[in-house]
PDB file of all heavy atoms in Angstrom:
ATOM      1  N   ALA A   1      14.591  25.381   8.722  1.00  0.00           N
ATOM      2  CA  ALA A   1      14.164  24.927   7.394  1.00  0.00           C
ATOM      3  C   ALA A   1      15.339  24.409   6.567  1.00  0.00           C
ATOM      4  O   ALA A   1      15.229  23.388   5.879  1.00  0.00           O
ATOM      5  CB  ALA A   1      13.443  26.023   6.661  1.00  0.00           C
ATOM      6  N   SER A   2      16.477  25.105   6.613  1.00  0.00           N
ATOM      7  CA  SER A   2      17.595  24.742   5.752  1.00  0.00           C
ATOM      8  C   SER A   2      18.220  23.399   6.114  1.00  0.00           C
ATOM      9  O   SER A   2      18.805  22.720   5.289  1.00  0.00           O
ATOM     10  CB  SER A   2      18.664  25.842   5.809  1.00  0.00           C
ATOM     11  OG  SER A   2      19.115  26.017   7.131  1.00  0.00           O
ATOM     12  N   SER A   3      18.129  23.010   7.373  1.00  0.00           N
ATOM     13  CA  SER A   3      18.777  21.780   7.811  1.00  0.00           C
ATOM     14  C   SER A   3      17.789  20.621   7.987  1.00  0.00           C
ATOM     15  O   SER A   3      18.194  19.501   8.326  1.00  0.00           O
ATOM     16  CB  SER A   3      19.525  22.016   9.130  1.00  0.00           C
ATOM     17  OG  SER A   3      18.627  22.447  10.118  1.00  0.00           O
ATOM     18  N   ALA A   4      16.521  20.878   7.819  1.00  0.00           N
ATOM     19  CA  ALA A   4      15.500  19.865   8.083  1.00  0.00           C
ATOM     20  C   ALA A   4      15.503  18.796   6.994  1.00  0.00           C
ATOM     21  O   ALA A   4      15.801  19.070   5.842  1.00  0.00           O
ATOM     22  CB  ALA A   4      14.126  20.517   8.180  1.00  0.00           C
ATOM     23  N   GLU A   5      15.155  17.556   7.403  1.00  0.00           N
ATOM     24  CA  GLU A   5      14.980  16.466   6.446  1.00  0.00           C
ATOM     25  C   GLU A   5      13.665  16.689   5.664  1.00  0.00           C
ATOM     26  O   GLU A   5      12.725  17.291   6.199  1.00  0.00           O
ATOM     27  CB  GLU A   5      14.916  15.143   7.179  1.00  0.00           C
ATOM     28  CG  GLU A   5      16.219  14.715   7.843  1.00  0.00           C
ATOM     29  CD  GLU A   5      17.301  14.413   6.796  1.00  0.00           C
ATOM     30  OE1 GLU A   5      16.958  13.906   5.717  1.00  0.00           O
ATOM     31  OE2 GLU A   5      18.466  14.702   7.086  1.00  0.00           O
ATOM     32  N   PRO A   6      13.582  16.222   4.404  1.00  0.00           N
ATOM     33  CA  PRO A   6      12.341  16.362   3.655  1.00  0.00           C
ATOM     34  C   PRO A   6      11.188  15.658   4.359  1.00  0.00           C
ATOM     35  O   PRO A   6      11.383  14.585   4.939  1.00  0.00           O
ATOM     36  CB  PRO A   6      12.664  15.671   2.321  1.00  0.00           C
ATOM     37  CG  PRO A   6      14.160  15.694   2.211  1.00  0.00           C
ATOM     38  CD  PRO A   6      14.664  15.600   3.625  1.00  0.00           C
ATOM     39  N   PHE A   7      10.042  16.274   4.341  1.00  0.00           N
ATOM     40  CA  PHE A   7       8.885  15.693   5.016  1.00  0.00           C
ATOM     41  C   PHE A   7       8.299  14.555   4.168  1.00  0.00           C
ATOM     42  O   PHE A   7       8.360  14.565   2.944  1.00  0.00           O
ATOM     43  CB  PHE A   7       7.803  16.756   5.240  1.00  0.00           C
ATOM     44  CG  PHE A   7       8.256  17.902   6.090  1.00  0.00           C
ATOM     45  CD1 PHE A   7       8.210  19.206   5.592  1.00  0.00           C
ATOM     46  CD2 PHE A   7       8.713  17.702   7.371  1.00  0.00           C
ATOM     47  CE1 PHE A   7       8.624  20.272   6.377  1.00  0.00           C
ATOM     48  CE2 PHE A   7       9.127  18.760   8.155  1.00  0.00           C
ATOM     49  CZ  PHE A   7       9.096  20.052   7.658  1.00  0.00           C
ATOM     50  N   ASP A   8       7.717  13.576   4.847  1.00  0.00           N
ATOM     51  CA  ASP A   8       7.080  12.457   4.125  1.00  0.00           C
ATOM     52  C   ASP A   8       5.804  12.943   3.448  1.00  0.00           C
ATOM     53  O   ASP A   8       5.458  12.455   2.367  1.00  0.00           O
ATOM     54  CB  ASP A   8       6.725  11.357   5.117  1.00  0.00           C
ATOM     55  CG  ASP A   8       7.973  10.636   5.645  1.00  0.00           C
ATOM     56  OD1 ASP A   8       8.986  10.659   4.923  1.00  0.00           O
ATOM     57  OD2 ASP A   8       7.899  10.085   6.757  1.00  0.00           O
ATOM     58  N   ASP A   9       5.118  13.871   4.055  1.00  0.00           N
ATOM     59  CA  ASP A   9       3.850  14.368   3.489  1.00  0.00           C
ATOM     60  C   ASP A   9       3.818  15.906   3.621  1.00  0.00           C
ATOM     61  O   ASP A   9       3.119  16.437   4.478  1.00  0.00           O
ATOM     62  CB  ASP A   9       2.666  13.737   4.213  1.00  0.00           C
ATOM     63  CG  ASP A   9       1.325  14.219   3.672  1.00  0.00           C
ATOM     64  OD1 ASP A   9       1.287  14.680   2.511  1.00  0.00           O
ATOM     65  OD2 ASP A   9       0.321  14.107   4.429  1.00  0.00           O
ATOM     66  N   PRO A  10       4.574  16.645   2.776  1.00  0.00           N
ATOM     67  CA  PRO A  10       4.590  18.092   2.875  1.00  0.00           C
ATOM     68  C   PRO A  10       3.190  18.691   2.828  1.00  0.00           C
ATOM     69  O   PRO A  10       2.349  18.236   2.042  1.00  0.00           O
ATOM     70  CB  PRO A  10       5.405  18.515   1.645  1.00  0.00           C
ATOM     71  CG  PRO A  10       6.239  17.330   1.304  1.00  0.00           C
ATOM     72  CD  PRO A  10       5.422  16.124   1.655  1.00  0.00           C
ATOM     73  N   TRP A  11       2.952  19.646   3.678  1.00  0.00           N
ATOM     74  CA  TRP A  11       1.679  20.359   3.792  1.00  0.00           C
ATOM     75  C   TRP A  11       0.546  19.488   4.335  1.00  0.00           C
ATOM     76  O   TRP A  11      -0.582  19.957   4.469  1.00  0.00           O
ATOM     77  CB  TRP A  11       1.262  20.959   2.453  1.00  0.00           C
ATOM     78  CG  TRP A  11       2.290  21.824   1.815  1.00  0.00           C
ATOM     79  CD1 TRP A  11       3.098  21.483   0.764  1.00  0.00           C
ATOM     80  CD2 TRP A  11       2.641  23.171   2.172  1.00  0.00           C
ATOM     81  NE1 TRP A  11       3.946  22.531   0.460  1.00  0.00           N
ATOM     82  CE2 TRP A  11       3.676  23.595   1.282  1.00  0.00           C
ATOM     83  CE3 TRP A  11       2.185  24.055   3.147  1.00  0.00           C
ATOM     84  CZ2 TRP A  11       4.252  24.835   1.354  1.00  0.00           C
ATOM     85  CZ3 TRP A  11       2.750  25.319   3.213  1.00  0.00           C
ATOM     86  CH2 TRP A  11       3.777  25.679   2.328  1.00  0.00           C
ATOM     87  N   GLY A  12       0.797  18.233   4.622  1.00  0.00           N
ATOM     88  CA  GLY A  12      -0.262  17.344   5.037  1.00  0.00           C
ATOM     89  C   GLY A  12      -1.268  17.068   3.939  1.00  0.00           C
ATOM     90  O   GLY A  12      -2.440  16.767   4.192  1.00  0.00           O
ATOM     91  N   ALA A  13      -0.791  17.160   2.672  1.00  0.00           N
ATOM     92  CA  ALA A  13      -1.697  17.048   1.520  1.00  0.00           C
ATOM     93  C   ALA A  13      -2.333  15.652   1.422  1.00  0.00           C
ATOM     94  O   ALA A  13      -3.545  15.525   1.204  1.00  0.00           O
ATOM     95  CB  ALA A  13      -0.926  17.375   0.235  1.00  0.00           C
ATOM     96  N   ALA A  14      -1.520  14.612   1.601  1.00  0.00           N
ATOM     97  CA  ALA A  14      -2.054  13.262   1.512  1.00  0.00           C
ATOM     98  C   ALA A  14      -3.013  12.985   2.669  1.00  0.00           C
ATOM     99  O   ALA A  14      -4.041  12.330   2.474  1.00  0.00           O
ATOM    100  CB  ALA A  14      -0.909  12.247   1.488  1.00  0.00           C
ATOM    101  N   ALA A  15      -2.690  13.479   3.834  1.00  0.00           N
ATOM    102  CA  ALA A  15      -3.554  13.286   4.975  1.00  0.00           C
ATOM    103  C   ALA A  15      -4.916  13.959   4.746  1.00  0.00           C
ATOM    104  O   ALA A  15      -5.963  13.415   5.106  1.00  0.00           O
ATOM    105  CB  ALA A  15      -2.890  13.847   6.239  1.00  0.00           C
ATOM    106  N   PHE A  16      -4.886  15.141   4.133  1.00  0.00           N
ATOM    107  CA  PHE A  16      -6.110  15.851   3.837  1.00  0.00           C
ATOM    108  C   PHE A  16      -7.001  15.047   2.894  1.00  0.00           C
ATOM    109  O   PHE A  16      -8.187  14.829   3.155  1.00  0.00           O
ATOM    110  CB  PHE A  16      -5.769  17.215   3.213  1.00  0.00           C
ATOM    111  CG  PHE A  16      -6.905  17.835   2.421  1.00  0.00           C
ATOM    112  CD1 PHE A  16      -8.066  18.238   3.032  1.00  0.00           C
ATOM    113  CD2 PHE A  16      -6.752  18.042   1.045  1.00  0.00           C
ATOM    114  CE1 PHE A  16      -9.114  18.812   2.293  1.00  0.00           C
ATOM    115  CE2 PHE A  16      -7.775  18.608   0.306  1.00  0.00           C
ATOM    116  CZ  PHE A  16      -8.950  18.990   0.935  1.00  0.00           C
ATOM    117  N   LEU A  17      -6.435  14.572   1.802  1.00  0.00           N
ATOM    118  CA  LEU A  17      -7.250  13.865   0.813  1.00  0.00           C
ATOM    119  C   LEU A  17      -7.714  12.511   1.332  1.00  0.00           C
ATOM    120  O   LEU A  17      -8.765  12.000   0.915  1.00  0.00           O
ATOM    121  CB  LEU A  17      -6.455  13.715  -0.476  1.00  0.00           C
ATOM    122  CG  LEU A  17      -6.206  15.021  -1.234  1.00  0.00           C
ATOM    123  CD1 LEU A  17      -5.205  14.818  -2.372  1.00  0.00           C
ATOM    124  CD2 LEU A  17      -7.496  15.596  -1.763  1.00  0.00           C
ATOM    125  N   ALA A  18      -6.939  11.918   2.211  1.00  0.00           N
ATOM    126  CA  ALA A  18      -7.342  10.637   2.812  1.00  0.00           C
ATOM    127  C   ALA A  18      -8.453  10.802   3.838  1.00  0.00           C
ATOM    128  O   ALA A  18      -9.263   9.899   4.062  1.00  0.00           O
ATOM    129  CB  ALA A  18      -6.140   9.966   3.460  1.00  0.00           C
ATOM    130  N   ASP A  19      -8.530  12.004   4.414  1.00  0.00           N
ATOM    131  CA  ASP A  19      -9.474  12.226   5.503  1.00  0.00           C
ATOM    132  C   ASP A  19     -10.845  12.682   5.036  1.00  0.00           C
ATOM    133  O   ASP A  19     -11.853  12.455   5.702  1.00  0.00           O
ATOM    134  CB  ASP A  19      -8.888  13.290   6.458  1.00  0.00           C
ATOM    135  CG  ASP A  19      -9.726  13.454   7.723  1.00  0.00           C
ATOM    136  OD1 ASP A  19     -10.088  12.419   8.313  1.00  0.00           O
ATOM    137  OD2 ASP A  19     -10.002  14.589   8.101  1.00  0.00           O
ATOM    138  N   ILE A  20     -10.892  13.324   3.837  1.00  0.00           N
ATOM    139  CA  ILE A  20     -12.168  13.901   3.406  1.00  0.00           C
ATOM    140  C   ILE A  20     -13.019  12.862   2.699  1.00  0.00           C
ATOM    141  O   ILE A  20     -12.540  11.838   2.225  1.00  0.00           O
ATOM    142  CB  ILE A  20     -11.936  15.116   2.485  1.00  0.00           C
ATOM    143  CG1 ILE A  20     -11.279  14.694   1.157  1.00  0.00           C
ATOM    144  CG2 ILE A  20     -11.127  16.186   3.180  1.00  0.00           C
ATOM    145  CD1 ILE A  20     -11.203  15.794   0.147  1.00  0.00           C
ATOM    146  N   ASP A  21     -14.318  13.179   2.612  1.00  0.00           N
ATOM    147  CA  ASP A  21     -15.244  12.325   1.901  1.00  0.00           C
ATOM    148  C   ASP A  21     -15.361  12.841   0.480  1.00  0.00           C
ATOM    149  O   ASP A  21     -16.079  13.801   0.193  1.00  0.00           O
ATOM    150  CB  ASP A  21     -16.605  12.374   2.596  1.00  0.00           C
ATOM    151  CG  ASP A  21     -17.640  11.473   1.921  1.00  0.00           C
ATOM    152  OD1 ASP A  21     -17.221  10.578   1.159  1.00  0.00           O
ATOM    153  OD2 ASP A  21     -18.851  11.672   2.141  1.00  0.00           O
ATOM    154  N   GLY A  22     -14.640  12.221  -0.449  1.00  0.00           N
ATOM    155  CA  GLY A  22     -14.612  12.688  -1.845  1.00  0.00           C
ATOM    156  C   GLY A  22     -13.212  12.867  -2.333  1.00  0.00           C
ATOM    157  O   GLY A  22     -12.237  12.488  -1.653  1.00  0.00           O
ATOM    158  N   ASP A  23     -13.087  13.469  -3.529  1.00  0.00           N
ATOM    159  CA  ASP A  23     -11.746  13.550  -4.109  1.00  0.00           C
ATOM    160  C   ASP A  23     -11.268  14.994  -4.320  1.00  0.00           C
ATOM    161  O   ASP A  23     -10.248  15.223  -4.950  1.00  0.00           O
ATOM    162  CB  ASP A  23     -11.708  12.824  -5.461  1.00  0.00           C
ATOM    163  CG  ASP A  23     -12.628  13.476  -6.491  1.00  0.00           C
ATOM    164  OD1 ASP A  23     -13.364  14.426  -6.151  1.00  0.00           O
ATOM    165  OD2 ASP A  23     -12.609  13.011  -7.646  1.00  0.00           O
ATOM    166  N   ALA A  24     -11.984  15.982  -3.776  1.00  0.00           N
ATOM    167  CA  ALA A  24     -11.597  17.392  -3.899  1.00  0.00           C
ATOM    168  C   ALA A  24     -11.353  17.773  -5.365  1.00  0.00           C
ATOM    169  O   ALA A  24     -10.306  18.292  -5.722  1.00  0.00           O
ATOM    170  CB  ALA A  24     -10.358  17.692  -3.065  1.00  0.00           C
ATOM    171  N   TYR A  25     -12.352  17.478  -6.189  1.00  0.00           N
ATOM    172  CA  TYR A  25     -12.344  17.894  -7.606  1.00  0.00           C
ATOM    173  C   TYR A  25     -11.165  17.326  -8.370  1.00  0.00           C
ATOM    174  O   TYR A  25     -10.560  17.988  -9.217  1.00  0.00           O
ATOM    175  CB  TYR A  25     -12.356  19.429  -7.695  1.00  0.00           C
ATOM    176  CG  TYR A  25     -13.527  20.033  -6.968  1.00  0.00           C
ATOM    177  CD1 TYR A  25     -13.353  20.547  -5.680  1.00  0.00           C
ATOM    178  CD2 TYR A  25     -14.781  20.080  -7.533  1.00  0.00           C
ATOM    179  CE1 TYR A  25     -14.445  21.088  -4.982  1.00  0.00           C
ATOM    180  CE2 TYR A  25     -15.878  20.605  -6.847  1.00  0.00           C
ATOM    181  CZ  TYR A  25     -15.707  21.102  -5.579  1.00  0.00           C
ATOM    182  OH  TYR A  25     -16.749  21.626  -4.881  1.00  0.00           O
ATOM    183  N   GLY A  26     -10.852  16.059  -8.070  1.00  0.00           N
ATOM    184  CA  GLY A  26      -9.798  15.364  -8.785  1.00  0.00           C
ATOM    185  C   GLY A  26      -8.399  15.743  -8.372  1.00  0.00           C
ATOM    186  O   GLY A  26      -7.428  15.333  -9.036  1.00  0.00           O
ATOM    187  N   THR A  27      -8.251  16.495  -7.306  1.00  0.00           N
ATOM    188  CA  THR A  27      -6.923  16.917  -6.853  1.00  0.00           C
ATOM    189  C   THR A  27      -6.127  15.757  -6.268  1.00  0.00           C
ATOM    190  O   THR A  27      -6.673  14.961  -5.519  1.00  0.00           O
ATOM    191  CB  THR A  27      -7.063  18.026  -5.799  1.00  0.00           C
ATOM    192  OG1 THR A  27      -7.820  19.102  -6.329  1.00  0.00           O
ATOM    193  CG2 THR A  27      -5.690  18.546  -5.361  1.00  0.00           C
ATOM    194  N   THR A  28      -4.858  15.678  -6.604  1.00  0.00           N
ATOM    195  CA  THR A  28      -3.971  14.690  -6.028  1.00  0.00           C
ATOM    196  C   THR A  28      -3.097  15.353  -4.977  1.00  0.00           C
ATOM    197  O   THR A  28      -2.965  16.570  -4.949  1.00  0.00           O
ATOM    198  CB  THR A  28      -3.083  14.080  -7.132  1.00  0.00           C
ATOM    199  OG1 THR A  28      -2.223  15.119  -7.657  1.00  0.00           O
ATOM    200  CG2 THR A  28      -3.907  13.491  -8.253  1.00  0.00           C
ATOM    201  N   PRO A  29      -2.454  14.565  -4.100  1.00  0.00           N
ATOM    202  CA  PRO A  29      -1.518  15.184  -3.141  1.00  0.00           C
ATOM    203  C   PRO A  29      -0.422  15.977  -3.819  1.00  0.00           C
ATOM    204  O   PRO A  29      -0.125  17.086  -3.392  1.00  0.00           O
ATOM    205  CB  PRO A  29      -0.949  13.959  -2.395  1.00  0.00           C
ATOM    206  CG  PRO A  29      -2.021  12.930  -2.472  1.00  0.00           C
ATOM    207  CD  PRO A  29      -2.652  13.111  -3.833  1.00  0.00           C
ATOM    208  N   ASP A  30       0.151  15.442  -4.908  1.00  0.00           N
ATOM    209  CA  ASP A  30       1.205  16.177  -5.603  1.00  0.00           C
ATOM    210  C   ASP A  30       0.676  17.456  -6.219  1.00  0.00           C
ATOM    211  O   ASP A  30       1.348  18.489  -6.246  1.00  0.00           O
ATOM    212  CB  ASP A  30       1.838  15.285  -6.702  1.00  0.00           C
ATOM    213  CG  ASP A  30       2.742  14.228  -6.105  1.00  0.00           C
ATOM    214  OD1 ASP A  30       3.157  14.387  -4.946  1.00  0.00           O
ATOM    215  OD2 ASP A  30       3.018  13.221  -6.823  1.00  0.00           O
TER     216      ASP A  30
END
């Protein structure tokens, strides 16, 4: 973890919101 580069999509948050049908109660990836 200490030496790893920052992830493009931490936690897969953007992938989750892009994959679901809807907006998850207005939640954004951030």
